[in-house]
N, C-alpha and C. Protein backbone atom coordinates (compact mmCIF):
# COMPACT_ATOMS: atom_id res chain seq x y z
N MET A 1 0.85 -1.18 0.00
CA MET A 1 0.00 0.00 0.00
C MET A 1 0.89 1.24 0.00
N GLU A 2 0.68 2.13 -0.92
CA GLU A 2 1.44 3.37 -1.01
C GLU A 2 0.94 4.34 0.06
N ARG A 3 1.85 5.04 0.68
CA ARG A 3 1.47 6.03 1.68
C ARG A 3 2.42 7.21 1.60
N TYR A 4 1.97 8.32 2.15
CA TYR A 4 2.75 9.55 2.09
C TYR A 4 4.01 9.46 2.94
N TYR A 5 3.87 9.03 4.17
CA TYR A 5 5.00 8.91 5.07
C TYR A 5 5.70 7.58 4.84
N ARG A 6 6.97 7.65 4.46
CA ARG A 6 7.75 6.43 4.24
C ARG A 6 8.97 6.49 5.15
N PRO A 7 9.04 5.64 6.17
CA PRO A 7 10.15 5.68 7.13
C PRO A 7 11.52 5.66 6.47
N GLU A 8 11.64 4.97 5.36
CA GLU A 8 12.96 4.88 4.70
C GLU A 8 13.42 6.24 4.15
N ASP A 9 12.50 7.20 3.99
CA ASP A 9 12.89 8.52 3.52
C ASP A 9 13.75 9.28 4.52
N LEU A 10 13.66 8.93 5.80
CA LEU A 10 14.49 9.58 6.80
C LEU A 10 15.97 9.42 6.49
N GLN A 11 16.34 8.30 5.90
CA GLN A 11 17.74 8.05 5.55
C GLN A 11 18.23 8.96 4.42
N LYS A 12 17.31 9.62 3.74
CA LYS A 12 17.65 10.50 2.63
C LYS A 12 17.72 11.98 3.05
N PHE A 13 17.62 12.24 4.34
CA PHE A 13 17.53 13.62 4.82
C PHE A 13 18.71 14.47 4.34
N ASP A 14 19.90 13.91 4.31
CA ASP A 14 21.06 14.70 3.89
C ASP A 14 20.99 15.13 2.43
N GLU A 15 20.12 14.50 1.64
CA GLU A 15 19.95 14.88 0.23
C GLU A 15 19.24 16.22 0.07
N ILE A 16 18.69 16.74 1.17
CA ILE A 16 17.95 17.99 1.10
C ILE A 16 18.85 19.14 0.64
N GLY A 17 20.16 18.96 0.76
CA GLY A 17 21.09 20.01 0.39
C GLY A 17 21.61 19.96 -1.03
N LYS A 18 21.09 19.06 -1.84
CA LYS A 18 21.61 18.94 -3.21
C LYS A 18 21.57 20.24 -3.99
N GLU A 19 20.49 20.97 -3.91
CA GLU A 19 20.35 22.20 -4.68
C GLU A 19 20.80 23.43 -3.91
N ALA A 20 20.99 23.31 -2.61
CA ALA A 20 21.43 24.45 -1.79
C ALA A 20 22.40 23.95 -0.72
N PRO A 21 23.56 23.48 -1.14
CA PRO A 21 24.49 22.86 -0.18
C PRO A 21 24.98 23.82 0.91
N GLU A 22 25.17 25.09 0.60
CA GLU A 22 25.65 26.02 1.62
C GLU A 22 24.64 26.16 2.74
N LEU A 23 23.38 26.30 2.39
CA LEU A 23 22.34 26.43 3.41
C LEU A 23 22.18 25.13 4.20
N ALA A 24 22.20 24.01 3.51
CA ALA A 24 22.07 22.72 4.19
C ALA A 24 23.23 22.52 5.17
N ASN A 25 24.43 22.85 4.73
CA ASN A 25 25.59 22.69 5.61
C ASN A 25 25.46 23.55 6.86
N LYS A 26 24.99 24.77 6.69
CA LYS A 26 24.80 25.65 7.84
C LYS A 26 23.77 25.05 8.79
N PHE A 27 22.68 24.55 8.24
CA PHE A 27 21.66 23.93 9.09
C PHE A 27 22.22 22.73 9.83
N PHE A 28 22.88 21.83 9.11
CA PHE A 28 23.38 20.61 9.75
C PHE A 28 24.49 20.91 10.76
N ASP A 29 25.32 21.91 10.50
CA ASP A 29 26.33 22.31 11.48
C ASP A 29 25.65 22.79 12.77
N TYR A 30 24.64 23.64 12.60
CA TYR A 30 23.89 24.14 13.76
C TYR A 30 23.18 22.99 14.48
N TYR A 31 22.49 22.17 13.72
CA TYR A 31 21.73 21.05 14.28
C TYR A 31 22.64 20.14 15.10
N ASN A 32 23.78 19.79 14.55
CA ASN A 32 24.71 18.91 15.26
C ASN A 32 25.26 19.58 16.51
N ALA A 33 25.54 20.88 16.45
CA ALA A 33 26.05 21.60 17.61
C ALA A 33 25.01 21.64 18.73
N VAL A 34 23.74 21.82 18.36
CA VAL A 34 22.67 21.88 19.35
C VAL A 34 22.62 20.60 20.17
N PHE A 35 22.84 19.47 19.54
CA PHE A 35 22.68 18.18 20.23
C PHE A 35 23.95 17.68 20.91
N GLU A 36 25.02 18.49 20.88
CA GLU A 36 26.22 18.12 21.62
C GLU A 36 25.99 18.33 23.11
N GLU A 37 26.73 17.59 23.92
CA GLU A 37 26.67 17.74 25.37
C GLU A 37 26.98 19.18 25.74
N GLY A 38 26.20 19.75 26.62
CA GLY A 38 26.42 21.11 27.10
C GLY A 38 25.90 21.19 28.52
N GLU A 39 25.11 22.20 28.81
CA GLU A 39 24.48 22.29 30.12
C GLU A 39 23.49 21.13 30.31
N LEU A 40 22.92 20.69 29.19
CA LEU A 40 22.05 19.51 29.19
C LEU A 40 22.83 18.34 28.61
N THR A 41 22.54 17.15 29.10
CA THR A 41 23.18 15.97 28.55
C THR A 41 22.58 15.65 27.19
N GLU A 42 23.28 14.84 26.42
CA GLU A 42 22.72 14.40 25.13
C GLU A 42 21.42 13.63 25.35
N ARG A 43 21.35 12.88 26.43
CA ARG A 43 20.13 12.12 26.76
C ARG A 43 18.96 13.07 27.03
N GLU A 44 19.20 14.11 27.82
CA GLU A 44 18.15 15.08 28.11
C GLU A 44 17.69 15.79 26.85
N LYS A 45 18.62 16.16 26.00
CA LYS A 45 18.28 16.83 24.74
C LYS A 45 17.45 15.92 23.84
N ALA A 46 17.79 14.63 23.82
CA ALA A 46 17.02 13.68 23.00
C ALA A 46 15.59 13.56 23.52
N LEU A 47 15.41 13.55 24.85
CA LEU A 47 14.05 13.49 25.42
C LEU A 47 13.26 14.75 25.08
N ILE A 48 13.90 15.91 25.16
CA ILE A 48 13.23 17.15 24.78
C ILE A 48 12.83 17.10 23.31
N ALA A 49 13.76 16.65 22.47
CA ALA A 49 13.48 16.57 21.03
C ALA A 49 12.33 15.60 20.74
N LEU A 50 12.29 14.50 21.48
CA LEU A 50 11.19 13.55 21.28
C LEU A 50 9.85 14.19 21.63
N ALA A 51 9.82 14.92 22.73
CA ALA A 51 8.59 15.60 23.12
C ALA A 51 8.18 16.64 22.08
N VAL A 52 9.14 17.43 21.63
CA VAL A 52 8.85 18.45 20.61
C VAL A 52 8.39 17.78 19.31
N ALA A 53 9.01 16.67 18.95
CA ALA A 53 8.63 15.95 17.72
C ALA A 53 7.16 15.56 17.76
N HIS A 54 6.68 15.17 18.93
CA HIS A 54 5.26 14.85 19.06
C HIS A 54 4.40 16.10 18.96
N THR A 55 4.90 17.20 19.49
CA THR A 55 4.15 18.45 19.44
C THR A 55 4.00 18.95 18.02
N VAL A 56 5.07 18.87 17.23
CA VAL A 56 4.99 19.33 15.85
C VAL A 56 4.53 18.23 14.91
N GLN A 57 4.31 17.05 15.46
CA GLN A 57 3.76 15.90 14.74
C GLN A 57 4.59 15.51 13.51
N CYS A 58 5.90 15.41 13.72
CA CYS A 58 6.79 15.00 12.64
C CYS A 58 7.12 13.51 12.79
N PRO A 59 6.56 12.65 11.95
CA PRO A 59 6.81 11.21 12.11
C PRO A 59 8.28 10.85 11.93
N TYR A 60 8.99 11.58 11.07
CA TYR A 60 10.41 11.30 10.88
C TYR A 60 11.19 11.62 12.16
N CYS A 61 10.86 12.74 12.78
CA CYS A 61 11.52 13.14 14.03
C CYS A 61 11.17 12.18 15.15
N ILE A 62 9.93 11.73 15.20
CA ILE A 62 9.53 10.77 16.23
C ILE A 62 10.36 9.50 16.09
N ASP A 63 10.51 9.01 14.87
CA ASP A 63 11.34 7.82 14.64
C ASP A 63 12.78 8.07 15.06
N ALA A 64 13.34 9.18 14.59
CA ALA A 64 14.76 9.47 14.85
C ALA A 64 15.03 9.66 16.34
N PHE A 65 14.17 10.38 17.03
CA PHE A 65 14.44 10.66 18.44
C PHE A 65 14.00 9.53 19.36
N THR A 66 13.10 8.68 18.92
CA THR A 66 12.85 7.45 19.67
C THR A 66 14.13 6.63 19.69
N GLN A 67 14.73 6.48 18.54
CA GLN A 67 15.99 5.73 18.44
C GLN A 67 17.09 6.42 19.26
N ALA A 68 17.21 7.74 19.13
CA ALA A 68 18.24 8.47 19.86
C ALA A 68 18.06 8.33 21.37
N CYS A 69 16.82 8.42 21.83
CA CYS A 69 16.56 8.27 23.27
C CYS A 69 17.00 6.89 23.77
N LEU A 70 16.64 5.87 23.03
CA LEU A 70 17.03 4.52 23.44
C LEU A 70 18.55 4.36 23.43
N GLU A 71 19.20 4.88 22.40
CA GLU A 71 20.66 4.78 22.30
C GLU A 71 21.36 5.55 23.43
N LYS A 72 20.73 6.60 23.94
CA LYS A 72 21.36 7.43 24.97
C LYS A 72 20.95 6.99 26.37
N GLY A 73 20.22 5.87 26.47
CA GLY A 73 19.93 5.28 27.77
C GLY A 73 18.57 5.55 28.36
N SER A 74 17.68 6.21 27.61
CA SER A 74 16.32 6.41 28.12
C SER A 74 15.54 5.11 27.97
N ASN A 75 14.50 5.01 28.76
CA ASN A 75 13.63 3.84 28.65
C ASN A 75 12.24 4.29 28.22
N PRO A 76 11.40 3.36 27.80
CA PRO A 76 10.07 3.74 27.32
C PRO A 76 9.23 4.51 28.34
N ALA A 77 9.40 4.24 29.63
CA ALA A 77 8.63 4.98 30.63
C ALA A 77 9.03 6.45 30.64
N GLU A 78 10.33 6.74 30.57
CA GLU A 78 10.80 8.13 30.52
C GLU A 78 10.34 8.81 29.24
N MET A 79 10.41 8.09 28.15
CA MET A 79 10.01 8.66 26.86
C MET A 79 8.52 8.96 26.86
N THR A 80 7.73 8.07 27.42
CA THR A 80 6.29 8.28 27.50
C THR A 80 5.97 9.49 28.37
N GLU A 81 6.69 9.63 29.48
CA GLU A 81 6.47 10.78 30.35
C GLU A 81 6.81 12.08 29.62
N ALA A 82 7.88 12.09 28.84
CA ALA A 82 8.24 13.28 28.06
C ALA A 82 7.13 13.64 27.08
N VAL A 83 6.54 12.63 26.45
CA VAL A 83 5.43 12.88 25.51
C VAL A 83 4.22 13.45 26.26
N HIS A 84 3.98 12.96 27.47
CA HIS A 84 2.87 13.50 28.26
C HIS A 84 3.11 14.96 28.66
N VAL A 85 4.36 15.31 28.95
CA VAL A 85 4.67 16.71 29.25
C VAL A 85 4.33 17.58 28.04
N ALA A 86 4.75 17.14 26.86
CA ALA A 86 4.45 17.90 25.64
C ALA A 86 2.94 18.00 25.43
N THR A 87 2.24 16.93 25.68
CA THR A 87 0.78 16.92 25.51
C THR A 87 0.11 17.89 26.47
N ALA A 88 0.59 17.92 27.71
CA ALA A 88 0.01 18.83 28.70
C ALA A 88 0.22 20.28 28.29
N ILE A 89 1.41 20.61 27.82
CA ILE A 89 1.69 21.98 27.40
C ILE A 89 0.85 22.35 26.18
N ARG A 90 0.79 21.43 25.21
CA ARG A 90 0.01 21.72 24.00
C ARG A 90 -1.47 21.86 24.32
N GLY A 91 -1.98 20.97 25.18
CA GLY A 91 -3.39 21.06 25.58
C GLY A 91 -3.67 22.33 26.36
N GLY A 92 -2.76 22.68 27.27
CA GLY A 92 -2.93 23.90 28.04
C GLY A 92 -2.91 25.14 27.17
N ALA A 93 -2.04 25.12 26.16
CA ALA A 93 -1.98 26.26 25.24
C ALA A 93 -3.29 26.43 24.48
N SER A 94 -3.91 25.32 24.12
CA SER A 94 -5.21 25.40 23.45
C SER A 94 -6.26 25.93 24.41
N LEU A 95 -6.26 25.43 25.63
CA LEU A 95 -7.27 25.86 26.59
C LEU A 95 -7.12 27.33 26.97
N VAL A 96 -5.89 27.80 27.15
CA VAL A 96 -5.71 29.19 27.56
C VAL A 96 -6.19 30.15 26.48
N HIS A 97 -6.17 29.71 25.23
CA HIS A 97 -6.72 30.56 24.17
C HIS A 97 -8.24 30.66 24.27
N GLY A 98 -8.83 29.79 25.08
CA GLY A 98 -10.26 29.90 25.36
C GLY A 98 -10.59 31.21 26.06
N VAL A 99 -9.63 31.79 26.77
CA VAL A 99 -9.83 33.09 27.40
C VAL A 99 -10.08 34.14 26.32
N GLN A 100 -9.33 34.06 25.22
CA GLN A 100 -9.55 34.99 24.11
C GLN A 100 -10.97 34.82 23.56
N MET A 101 -11.39 33.56 23.39
CA MET A 101 -12.74 33.29 22.89
C MET A 101 -13.78 33.90 23.81
N ARG A 102 -13.58 33.73 25.11
CA ARG A 102 -14.55 34.25 26.07
C ARG A 102 -14.59 35.78 26.03
N THR A 103 -13.44 36.42 25.88
CA THR A 103 -13.38 37.88 25.79
C THR A 103 -14.14 38.37 24.58
N VAL A 104 -13.92 37.74 23.43
CA VAL A 104 -14.63 38.13 22.21
C VAL A 104 -16.11 37.86 22.35
N ALA A 105 -16.46 36.73 22.91
CA ALA A 105 -17.89 36.40 23.08
C ALA A 105 -18.58 37.42 24.00
N GLU A 106 -17.89 37.82 25.05
CA GLU A 106 -18.47 38.82 25.96
C GLU A 106 -18.68 40.15 25.25
N LYS A 107 -17.69 40.58 24.43
CA LYS A 107 -17.82 41.82 23.67
C LYS A 107 -19.00 41.76 22.72
N LEU A 108 -19.12 40.65 21.99
CA LEU A 108 -20.16 40.51 20.97
C LEU A 108 -21.54 40.35 21.60
N SER A 109 -21.58 39.87 22.81
CA SER A 109 -22.87 39.65 23.49
C SER A 109 -23.43 40.90 24.13
N MET A 110 -22.64 41.97 24.19
CA MET A 110 -23.08 43.21 24.86
C MET A 110 -24.15 43.90 24.08
């Protein structure tokens, strides 16, 4: 069955720079630097990335950072908790915009 998302396409990510190698190189240099050990461990950064990947709903990122988390020593319980943190923030952000809806509704109801 043909589908839009093909996991094997993740392996082709570096090809994105074929027509614009200078820009791709700048992105990949930055990307790699971000994930180096710093104030946060590589493991912590991978968990953050996994949570963000779920928030932006990128299946390629979910695959990549699931693997990265496991390789850096995270377990499925930690990974699941990180996804729940992202879900809580995303859900809360939707709910807090309900205040805007209520303000507009109150204005229009006057």
